[in-house]
Each structure stands twice: as C-alpha cells, then as structure tokens.
Amino acid sequence: MNKSNIPTAQRAAIGLLLDDHRNVKKLFKAFESAKEQSEKEQIAQQTCQELTVHTQIEEEIFYPGLRGVNDKIDNMLNEAKVEHQVAKDLIAAIRAGQEPDMLEANFTVLSEYVNHHVEEEENELFKMVMDKDIDLREMATKMAARKEELMGEAA
C-alpha cells in the first residue's frame, strides 16, 4: 500500500502501522539471511519487541477506535484479535529461549502468521477504513505517543 494514496485524515495513523509492517518484514528477511545463531537470536528478540509494541497500539487504540463502524470491520477486528493471540503465544515461546531448532520453527511460523495478518490489514481493513472516510487524526496522535512510550519502556 502506497502511503501517498491514503487520505490526509487517515495518513498518519495508517502510515504508522504500515511503517511497522515494513520494518518487521525487513527483520523477517534479515533472520532468513543471518548465518550465526547469535545474530538470529538478536533479530528474533528485536522482532518480538517490535511486534509486541505494534499489537499493543492496535489493541489499545486503533481497533477500539474502529469498533462499531460496521459489521464487516467488527468481524475483521475479531479475527485480528485471534491472530494477535497466536502471535503473542509464539512471541512468548521465542522470548523464553529454546533449542536453536525451535527458534527457527517458531520464528518461521510467526513470520507466516504476521505476513498473513499484514496482507489482510493492508488489503482489506485499511481499505475499508479509507472507504468509510473515518477521521483518524486524533487517533494517530495517541498512537504515536503510545508507541514512543512503549519503545522507551523497552529500552
């Protein structure tokens, strides 16, 4: 999704989420090309942190702000909630540390799940939000502040 095609009232909020999606996809690729186990572990931990912050912002601010717009969006938000829970379970397994083989397996499944979730969000949910012309400017400010707060806590 090209950010320049997003209406002004929605660009900051959706753009923040798109940037997160792009960043995590880069981390997935970096993990695949990493040779050393220690590098894979570092990339996996960074990815888990990025995804944890991202899902928290969506669950605390973005999704509740869209709730009730229409049934189709509500159904997508319900599905996203389930997808987030699966991702959280995989993140917990990765963060717990395990045998190198299990890191690879958990990270691979996490990347597959997240890529599926991202495709649905970008190709369906975000487009519906844009079609409904929902003003997300106030939400964008809250999302950016919350992200900064969460990233600061992680540091």
N, C-alpha and C. Protein backbone atom coordinates (compact mmCIF):
# COMPACT_ATOMS: atom_id res chain seq x y z
N MET A 1 0.84 -1.18 0.00
CA MET A 1 0.00 0.00 0.00
C MET A 1 0.89 1.24 0.00
N ASN A 2 0.60 2.13 -0.89
CA ASN A 2 1.36 3.36 -1.04
C ASN A 2 0.77 4.43 -0.12
N LYS A 3 1.59 4.98 0.77
CA LYS A 3 1.10 5.96 1.73
C LYS A 3 0.56 7.22 1.07
N SER A 4 1.08 7.55 -0.10
CA SER A 4 0.61 8.78 -0.77
C SER A 4 -0.84 8.65 -1.24
N ASN A 5 -1.35 7.43 -1.33
CA ASN A 5 -2.74 7.22 -1.74
C ASN A 5 -3.72 7.26 -0.57
N ILE A 6 -3.19 7.36 0.63
CA ILE A 6 -4.04 7.38 1.83
C ILE A 6 -4.54 8.81 2.05
N PRO A 7 -5.85 8.98 2.25
CA PRO A 7 -6.39 10.32 2.51
C PRO A 7 -5.73 10.97 3.73
N THR A 8 -5.64 12.27 3.72
CA THR A 8 -4.96 13.03 4.77
C THR A 8 -5.48 12.69 6.16
N ALA A 9 -6.79 12.54 6.31
CA ALA A 9 -7.39 12.29 7.63
C ALA A 9 -6.98 10.93 8.20
N GLN A 10 -6.41 10.08 7.37
CA GLN A 10 -6.05 8.72 7.80
C GLN A 10 -4.57 8.42 7.65
N ARG A 11 -3.85 9.29 6.97
CA ARG A 11 -2.46 9.00 6.60
C ARG A 11 -1.54 8.75 7.79
N ALA A 12 -1.61 9.55 8.83
CA ALA A 12 -0.68 9.40 9.94
C ALA A 12 -0.90 8.08 10.69
N ALA A 13 -2.15 7.76 10.96
CA ALA A 13 -2.44 6.53 11.72
C ALA A 13 -2.10 5.29 10.90
N ILE A 14 -2.62 5.22 9.69
CA ILE A 14 -2.35 4.05 8.85
C ILE A 14 -0.89 4.01 8.46
N GLY A 15 -0.29 5.17 8.22
CA GLY A 15 1.13 5.24 7.87
C GLY A 15 2.02 4.69 8.98
N LEU A 16 1.69 4.98 10.24
CA LEU A 16 2.45 4.44 11.37
C LEU A 16 2.41 2.92 11.36
N LEU A 17 1.23 2.36 11.13
CA LEU A 17 1.08 0.90 11.11
C LEU A 17 1.80 0.30 9.90
N LEU A 18 1.70 0.97 8.75
CA LEU A 18 2.40 0.50 7.55
C LEU A 18 3.92 0.48 7.77
N ASP A 19 4.43 1.53 8.41
CA ASP A 19 5.87 1.58 8.70
C ASP A 19 6.29 0.41 9.59
N ASP A 20 5.46 0.11 10.58
CA ASP A 20 5.74 -1.05 11.44
C ASP A 20 5.75 -2.34 10.62
N HIS A 21 4.77 -2.48 9.73
CA HIS A 21 4.70 -3.68 8.88
C HIS A 21 5.98 -3.82 8.05
N ARG A 22 6.41 -2.74 7.43
CA ARG A 22 7.61 -2.78 6.58
C ARG A 22 8.84 -3.14 7.40
N ASN A 23 8.95 -2.55 8.58
CA ASN A 23 10.10 -2.80 9.44
C ASN A 23 10.18 -4.27 9.84
N VAL A 24 9.05 -4.84 10.22
CA VAL A 24 9.03 -6.24 10.64
C VAL A 24 9.33 -7.17 9.46
N LYS A 25 8.83 -6.84 8.29
CA LYS A 25 9.13 -7.66 7.11
C LYS A 25 10.63 -7.66 6.82
N LYS A 26 11.29 -6.52 7.03
CA LYS A 26 12.74 -6.45 6.85
C LYS A 26 13.45 -7.34 7.87
N LEU A 27 12.94 -7.35 9.09
CA LEU A 27 13.53 -8.20 10.13
C LEU A 27 13.34 -9.68 9.79
N PHE A 28 12.19 -10.04 9.23
CA PHE A 28 11.97 -11.43 8.82
C PHE A 28 13.00 -11.83 7.76
N LYS A 29 13.26 -10.96 6.81
CA LYS A 29 14.25 -11.25 5.76
C LYS A 29 15.66 -11.33 6.35
N ALA A 30 15.96 -10.44 7.28
CA ALA A 30 17.28 -10.45 7.91
C ALA A 30 17.50 -11.76 8.67
N PHE A 31 16.47 -12.26 9.32
CA PHE A 31 16.56 -13.53 10.04
C PHE A 31 16.88 -14.65 9.07
N GLU A 32 16.18 -14.67 7.95
CA GLU A 32 16.40 -15.72 6.94
C GLU A 32 17.83 -15.73 6.42
N SER A 33 18.42 -14.55 6.26
CA SER A 33 19.76 -14.49 5.69
C SER A 33 20.87 -14.54 6.75
N ALA A 34 20.51 -14.45 8.02
CA ALA A 34 21.52 -14.49 9.09
C ALA A 34 22.18 -15.88 9.13
N LYS A 35 23.45 -15.88 9.34
CA LYS A 35 24.22 -17.14 9.36
C LYS A 35 24.47 -17.63 10.79
N GLU A 36 24.80 -16.69 11.67
CA GLU A 36 25.16 -17.04 13.04
C GLU A 36 23.92 -17.15 13.93
N GLN A 37 23.94 -18.13 14.82
CA GLN A 37 22.82 -18.32 15.75
C GLN A 37 22.61 -17.09 16.62
N SER A 38 23.68 -16.47 17.07
CA SER A 38 23.56 -15.29 17.94
C SER A 38 22.88 -14.14 17.19
N GLU A 39 23.17 -14.01 15.90
CA GLU A 39 22.53 -12.97 15.09
C GLU A 39 21.04 -13.26 14.94
N LYS A 40 20.71 -14.52 14.70
CA LYS A 40 19.29 -14.92 14.59
C LYS A 40 18.55 -14.62 15.89
N GLU A 41 19.19 -14.93 17.01
CA GLU A 41 18.57 -14.69 18.31
C GLU A 41 18.33 -13.20 18.53
N GLN A 42 19.31 -12.37 18.15
CA GLN A 42 19.17 -10.91 18.32
C GLN A 42 18.04 -10.38 17.44
N ILE A 43 17.98 -10.82 16.19
CA ILE A 43 16.93 -10.39 15.27
C ILE A 43 15.56 -10.86 15.77
N ALA A 44 15.50 -12.07 16.27
CA ALA A 44 14.23 -12.61 16.79
C ALA A 44 13.74 -11.78 17.98
N GLN A 45 14.65 -11.43 18.88
CA GLN A 45 14.25 -10.63 20.04
C GLN A 45 13.79 -9.23 19.63
N GLN A 46 14.49 -8.63 18.68
CA GLN A 46 14.10 -7.30 18.19
C GLN A 46 12.72 -7.38 17.52
N THR A 47 12.51 -8.41 16.73
CA THR A 47 11.24 -8.60 16.05
C THR A 47 10.11 -8.76 17.06
N CYS A 48 10.35 -9.55 18.09
CA CYS A 48 9.34 -9.76 19.13
C CYS A 48 8.99 -8.44 19.82
N GLN A 49 9.99 -7.61 20.08
CA GLN A 49 9.73 -6.32 20.71
C GLN A 49 8.90 -5.43 19.79
N GLU A 50 9.28 -5.36 18.53
CA GLU A 50 8.55 -4.52 17.57
C GLU A 50 7.09 -4.98 17.45
N LEU A 51 6.90 -6.29 17.36
CA LEU A 51 5.54 -6.83 17.21
C LEU A 51 4.71 -6.62 18.48
N THR A 52 5.34 -6.73 19.63
CA THR A 52 4.64 -6.53 20.89
C THR A 52 4.11 -5.10 20.99
N VAL A 53 4.95 -4.14 20.66
CA VAL A 53 4.54 -2.73 20.69
C VAL A 53 3.44 -2.49 19.65
N HIS A 54 3.62 -3.00 18.46
CA HIS A 54 2.65 -2.82 17.38
C HIS A 54 1.28 -3.38 17.76
N THR A 55 1.26 -4.60 18.25
CA THR A 55 -0.03 -5.20 18.59
C THR A 55 -0.69 -4.46 19.76
N GLN A 56 0.10 -3.98 20.68
CA GLN A 56 -0.46 -3.24 21.82
C GLN A 56 -1.11 -1.94 21.34
N ILE A 57 -0.47 -1.23 20.43
CA ILE A 57 -1.04 0.00 19.89
C ILE A 57 -2.35 -0.29 19.16
N GLU A 58 -2.34 -1.35 18.35
CA GLU A 58 -3.56 -1.71 17.63
C GLU A 58 -4.68 -2.07 18.60
N GLU A 59 -4.37 -2.89 19.61
CA GLU A 59 -5.39 -3.36 20.54
C GLU A 59 -5.89 -2.27 21.48
N GLU A 60 -5.01 -1.35 21.88
CA GLU A 60 -5.41 -0.30 22.82
C GLU A 60 -6.09 0.88 22.14
N ILE A 61 -5.68 1.21 20.92
CA ILE A 61 -6.13 2.46 20.31
C ILE A 61 -6.80 2.25 18.96
N PHE A 62 -6.11 1.61 18.02
CA PHE A 62 -6.61 1.53 16.65
C PHE A 62 -7.89 0.70 16.53
N TYR A 63 -7.86 -0.52 17.01
CA TYR A 63 -9.05 -1.38 16.88
C TYR A 63 -10.26 -0.84 17.64
N PRO A 64 -10.09 -0.42 18.90
CA PRO A 64 -11.27 0.13 19.60
C PRO A 64 -11.85 1.36 18.88
N GLY A 65 -11.00 2.14 18.25
CA GLY A 65 -11.47 3.32 17.52
C GLY A 65 -12.27 2.98 16.28
N LEU A 66 -12.10 1.76 15.78
CA LEU A 66 -12.84 1.32 14.58
C LEU A 66 -14.08 0.50 14.94
N ARG A 67 -14.16 0.04 16.17
CA ARG A 67 -15.27 -0.81 16.60
C ARG A 67 -16.60 -0.08 16.40
N GLY A 68 -17.54 -0.80 15.83
CA GLY A 68 -18.89 -0.25 15.67
C GLY A 68 -19.12 0.51 14.37
N VAL A 69 -18.09 0.66 13.54
CA VAL A 69 -18.26 1.36 12.26
C VAL A 69 -19.21 0.56 11.37
N ASN A 70 -18.93 -0.73 11.23
CA ASN A 70 -19.85 -1.64 10.55
C ASN A 70 -19.52 -3.08 10.91
N ASP A 71 -20.42 -3.99 10.58
CA ASP A 71 -20.25 -5.39 10.96
C ASP A 71 -19.03 -6.03 10.32
N LYS A 72 -18.75 -5.67 9.08
CA LYS A 72 -17.61 -6.28 8.38
C LYS A 72 -16.29 -5.90 9.06
N ILE A 73 -16.16 -4.65 9.43
CA ILE A 73 -14.96 -4.21 10.15
C ILE A 73 -14.89 -4.90 11.50
N ASP A 74 -16.01 -4.97 12.21
CA ASP A 74 -16.02 -5.65 13.51
C ASP A 74 -15.59 -7.11 13.38
N ASN A 75 -16.05 -7.80 12.35
CA ASN A 75 -15.65 -9.19 12.12
C ASN A 75 -14.16 -9.30 11.86
N MET A 76 -13.61 -8.36 11.09
CA MET A 76 -12.16 -8.36 10.82
C MET A 76 -11.38 -8.10 12.11
N LEU A 77 -11.91 -7.22 12.96
CA LEU A 77 -11.23 -6.93 14.23
C LEU A 77 -11.25 -8.15 15.15
N ASN A 78 -12.34 -8.91 15.11
CA ASN A 78 -12.40 -10.15 15.90
C ASN A 78 -11.35 -11.15 15.41
N GLU A 79 -11.24 -11.28 14.11
CA GLU A 79 -10.24 -12.18 13.53
C GLU A 79 -8.83 -11.72 13.89
N ALA A 80 -8.61 -10.41 13.81
CA ALA A 80 -7.30 -9.85 14.13
C ALA A 80 -6.94 -10.14 15.59
N LYS A 81 -7.93 -10.08 16.47
CA LYS A 81 -7.69 -10.38 17.89
C LYS A 81 -7.18 -11.80 18.07
N VAL A 82 -7.77 -12.74 17.35
CA VAL A 82 -7.33 -14.14 17.41
C VAL A 82 -5.92 -14.27 16.83
N GLU A 83 -5.68 -13.61 15.71
CA GLU A 83 -4.34 -13.67 15.10
C GLU A 83 -3.29 -13.08 16.04
N HIS A 84 -3.64 -11.99 16.72
CA HIS A 84 -2.72 -11.39 17.68
C HIS A 84 -2.40 -12.37 18.81
N GLN A 85 -3.39 -13.10 19.27
CA GLN A 85 -3.15 -14.04 20.37
C GLN A 85 -2.19 -15.14 19.95
N VAL A 86 -2.35 -15.64 18.74
CA VAL A 86 -1.43 -16.67 18.23
C VAL A 86 -0.02 -16.09 18.15
N ALA A 87 0.10 -14.86 17.65
CA ALA A 87 1.41 -14.22 17.57
C ALA A 87 2.01 -14.04 18.96
N LYS A 88 1.20 -13.63 19.93
CA LYS A 88 1.70 -13.46 21.30
C LYS A 88 2.22 -14.78 21.88
N ASP A 89 1.52 -15.86 21.58
CA ASP A 89 1.97 -17.17 22.06
C ASP A 89 3.32 -17.54 21.45
N LEU A 90 3.48 -17.29 20.17
CA LEU A 90 4.76 -17.57 19.50
C LEU A 90 5.86 -16.65 20.03
N ILE A 91 5.53 -15.39 20.25
CA ILE A 91 6.50 -14.44 20.80
C ILE A 91 6.96 -14.91 22.18
N ALA A 92 6.03 -15.36 22.99
CA ALA A 92 6.39 -15.86 24.33
C ALA A 92 7.34 -17.04 24.23
N ALA A 93 7.09 -17.93 23.29
CA ALA A 93 7.97 -19.09 23.11
C ALA A 93 9.36 -18.66 22.65
N ILE A 94 9.41 -17.70 21.75
CA ILE A 94 10.71 -17.21 21.25
C ILE A 94 11.47 -16.50 22.37
N ARG A 95 10.78 -15.65 23.11
CA ARG A 95 11.44 -14.90 24.20
C ARG A 95 11.92 -15.81 25.32
N ALA A 96 11.23 -16.93 25.52
CA ALA A 96 11.62 -17.86 26.58
C ALA A 96 12.96 -18.51 26.28
N GLY A 97 13.34 -18.51 25.01
CA GLY A 97 14.59 -19.15 24.62
C GLY A 97 14.40 -20.65 24.61
N GLN A 98 14.95 -21.27 23.61
CA GLN A 98 14.81 -22.70 23.49
C GLN A 98 15.91 -23.25 22.60
N GLU A 99 15.78 -24.48 22.26
CA GLU A 99 16.77 -25.08 21.37
C GLU A 99 16.80 -24.30 20.05
N PRO A 100 17.97 -24.20 19.43
CA PRO A 100 18.06 -23.45 18.18
C PRO A 100 17.05 -23.90 17.12
N ASP A 101 16.78 -25.18 17.05
CA ASP A 101 15.82 -25.68 16.06
C ASP A 101 14.43 -25.11 16.31
N MET A 102 14.06 -24.95 17.57
CA MET A 102 12.73 -24.44 17.90
C MET A 102 12.65 -22.94 17.65
N LEU A 103 13.74 -22.22 17.81
CA LEU A 103 13.74 -20.79 17.48
C LEU A 103 13.39 -20.64 16.00
N GLU A 104 14.07 -21.40 15.19
CA GLU A 104 13.84 -21.34 13.74
C GLU A 104 12.38 -21.67 13.41
N ALA A 105 11.86 -22.73 14.01
CA ALA A 105 10.49 -23.16 13.74
C ALA A 105 9.47 -22.12 14.21
N ASN A 106 9.63 -21.64 15.44
CA ASN A 106 8.69 -20.64 15.97
C ASN A 106 8.75 -19.34 15.19
N PHE A 107 9.96 -18.93 14.83
CA PHE A 107 10.11 -17.67 14.10
C PHE A 107 9.51 -17.79 12.70
N THR A 108 9.69 -18.93 12.08
CA THR A 108 9.12 -19.15 10.74
C THR A 108 7.60 -19.08 10.79
N VAL A 109 7.00 -19.76 11.75
CA VAL A 109 5.53 -19.73 11.87
C VAL A 109 5.06 -18.32 12.23
N LEU A 110 5.79 -17.63 13.10
CA LEU A 110 5.44 -16.25 13.44
C LEU A 110 5.45 -15.38 12.19
N SER A 111 6.49 -15.50 11.37
CA SER A 111 6.58 -14.68 10.16
C SER A 111 5.44 -15.00 9.20
N GLU A 112 5.08 -16.26 9.08
CA GLU A 112 3.98 -16.63 8.20
C GLU A 112 2.66 -16.04 8.71
N TYR A 113 2.43 -16.14 10.00
CA TYR A 113 1.21 -15.59 10.60
C TYR A 113 1.14 -14.08 10.44
N VAL A 114 2.24 -13.41 10.76
CA VAL A 114 2.28 -11.95 10.68
C VAL A 114 2.11 -11.50 9.24
N ASN A 115 2.77 -12.16 8.29
CA ASN A 115 2.61 -11.77 6.89
C ASN A 115 1.17 -11.92 6.43
N HIS A 116 0.50 -12.97 6.86
CA HIS A 116 -0.92 -13.16 6.53
C HIS A 116 -1.76 -12.02 7.14
N HIS A 117 -1.50 -11.72 8.40
CA HIS A 117 -2.22 -10.66 9.11
C HIS A 117 -2.00 -9.30 8.42
N VAL A 118 -0.78 -9.01 8.05
CA VAL A 118 -0.44 -7.76 7.39
C VAL A 118 -1.19 -7.64 6.06
N GLU A 119 -1.20 -8.71 5.28
CA GLU A 119 -1.90 -8.69 3.99
C GLU A 119 -3.38 -8.37 4.19
N GLU A 120 -4.01 -9.02 5.15
CA GLU A 120 -5.43 -8.76 5.41
C GLU A 120 -5.66 -7.33 5.87
N GLU A 121 -4.81 -6.86 6.77
CA GLU A 121 -4.97 -5.49 7.26
C GLU A 121 -4.82 -4.49 6.14
N GLU A 122 -3.76 -4.63 5.37
CA GLU A 122 -3.49 -3.63 4.33
C GLU A 122 -4.47 -3.71 3.16
N ASN A 123 -4.83 -4.93 2.75
CA ASN A 123 -5.67 -5.08 1.57
C ASN A 123 -7.17 -5.05 1.85
N GLU A 124 -7.55 -5.25 3.11
CA GLU A 124 -8.97 -5.27 3.43
C GLU A 124 -9.34 -4.21 4.46
N LEU A 125 -8.78 -4.33 5.67
CA LEU A 125 -9.18 -3.44 6.75
C LEU A 125 -8.86 -1.98 6.44
N PHE A 126 -7.62 -1.69 6.09
CA PHE A 126 -7.24 -0.30 5.82
C PHE A 126 -8.07 0.28 4.68
N LYS A 127 -8.32 -0.51 3.65
CA LYS A 127 -9.12 -0.02 2.52
C LYS A 127 -10.55 0.28 2.95
N MET A 128 -11.12 -0.58 3.81
CA MET A 128 -12.48 -0.31 4.30
C MET A 128 -12.50 0.97 5.13
N VAL A 129 -11.49 1.17 5.95
CA VAL A 129 -11.40 2.38 6.77
C VAL A 129 -11.32 3.61 5.86
N MET A 130 -10.55 3.52 4.80
CA MET A 130 -10.44 4.65 3.86
C MET A 130 -11.76 4.87 3.13
N ASP A 131 -12.42 3.80 2.73
CA ASP A 131 -13.71 3.92 2.04
C ASP A 131 -14.77 4.56 2.93
N LYS A 132 -14.71 4.30 4.23
CA LYS A 132 -15.69 4.86 5.17
C LYS A 132 -15.32 6.29 5.57
N ASP A 133 -14.17 6.75 5.10
CA ASP A 133 -13.72 8.11 5.36
C ASP A 133 -13.70 8.45 6.86
N ILE A 134 -13.15 7.54 7.63
CA ILE A 134 -13.04 7.73 9.08
C ILE A 134 -11.86 8.65 9.38
N ASP A 135 -12.10 9.69 10.15
CA ASP A 135 -11.04 10.63 10.51
C ASP A 135 -10.21 10.03 11.65
N LEU A 136 -8.96 9.77 11.37
CA LEU A 136 -8.07 9.11 12.32
C LEU A 136 -6.99 10.05 12.87
N ARG A 137 -7.12 11.34 12.64
CA ARG A 137 -6.05 12.26 13.06
C ARG A 137 -5.81 12.26 14.57
N GLU A 138 -6.88 12.32 15.36
CA GLU A 138 -6.72 12.30 16.81
C GLU A 138 -6.15 10.94 17.26
N MET A 139 -6.63 9.88 16.63
CA MET A 139 -6.14 8.54 16.95
C MET A 139 -4.65 8.44 16.62
N ALA A 140 -4.22 9.03 15.53
CA ALA A 140 -2.81 8.98 15.12
C ALA A 140 -1.91 9.60 16.17
N THR A 141 -2.35 10.70 16.75
CA THR A 141 -1.56 11.37 17.79
C THR A 141 -1.41 10.45 19.00
N LYS A 142 -2.51 9.81 19.40
CA LYS A 142 -2.47 8.89 20.54
C LYS A 142 -1.58 7.69 20.24
N MET A 143 -1.69 7.17 19.01
CA MET A 143 -0.89 6.01 18.62
C MET A 143 0.60 6.33 18.66
N ALA A 144 0.98 7.48 18.12
CA ALA A 144 2.40 7.86 18.08
C ALA A 144 2.94 8.06 19.50
N ALA A 145 2.16 8.69 20.36
CA ALA A 145 2.60 8.91 21.74
C ALA A 145 2.74 7.58 22.48
N ARG A 146 1.78 6.70 22.28
CA ARG A 146 1.82 5.39 22.95
C ARG A 146 3.00 4.56 22.46
N LYS A 147 3.26 4.62 21.16
CA LYS A 147 4.39 3.87 20.61
C LYS A 147 5.70 4.38 21.22
N GLU A 148 5.84 5.68 21.29
CA GLU A 148 7.05 6.26 21.87
C GLU A 148 7.20 5.83 23.33
N GLU A 149 6.10 5.84 24.07
CA GLU A 149 6.12 5.42 25.46
C GLU A 149 6.54 3.95 25.60
N LEU A 150 5.94 3.08 24.79
CA LEU A 150 6.24 1.65 24.86
C LEU A 150 7.68 1.35 24.43
N MET A 151 8.14 2.02 23.40
CA MET A 151 9.52 1.80 22.95
C MET A 151 10.51 2.28 24.01
N GLY A 152 10.16 3.36 24.72
CA GLY A 152 11.00 3.87 25.80
C GLY A 152 11.08 2.89 26.95
N GLU A 153 9.95 2.24 27.25
CA GLU A 153 9.93 1.23 28.31
C GLU A 153 10.81 0.04 27.97
N ALA A 154 10.88 -0.26 26.69
CA ALA A 154 11.64 -1.44 26.25
C ALA A 154 13.14 -1.18 26.27
N ALA A 155 13.52 0.08 26.17
CA ALA A 155 14.95 0.41 26.08
C ALA A 155 15.66 0.24 27.40
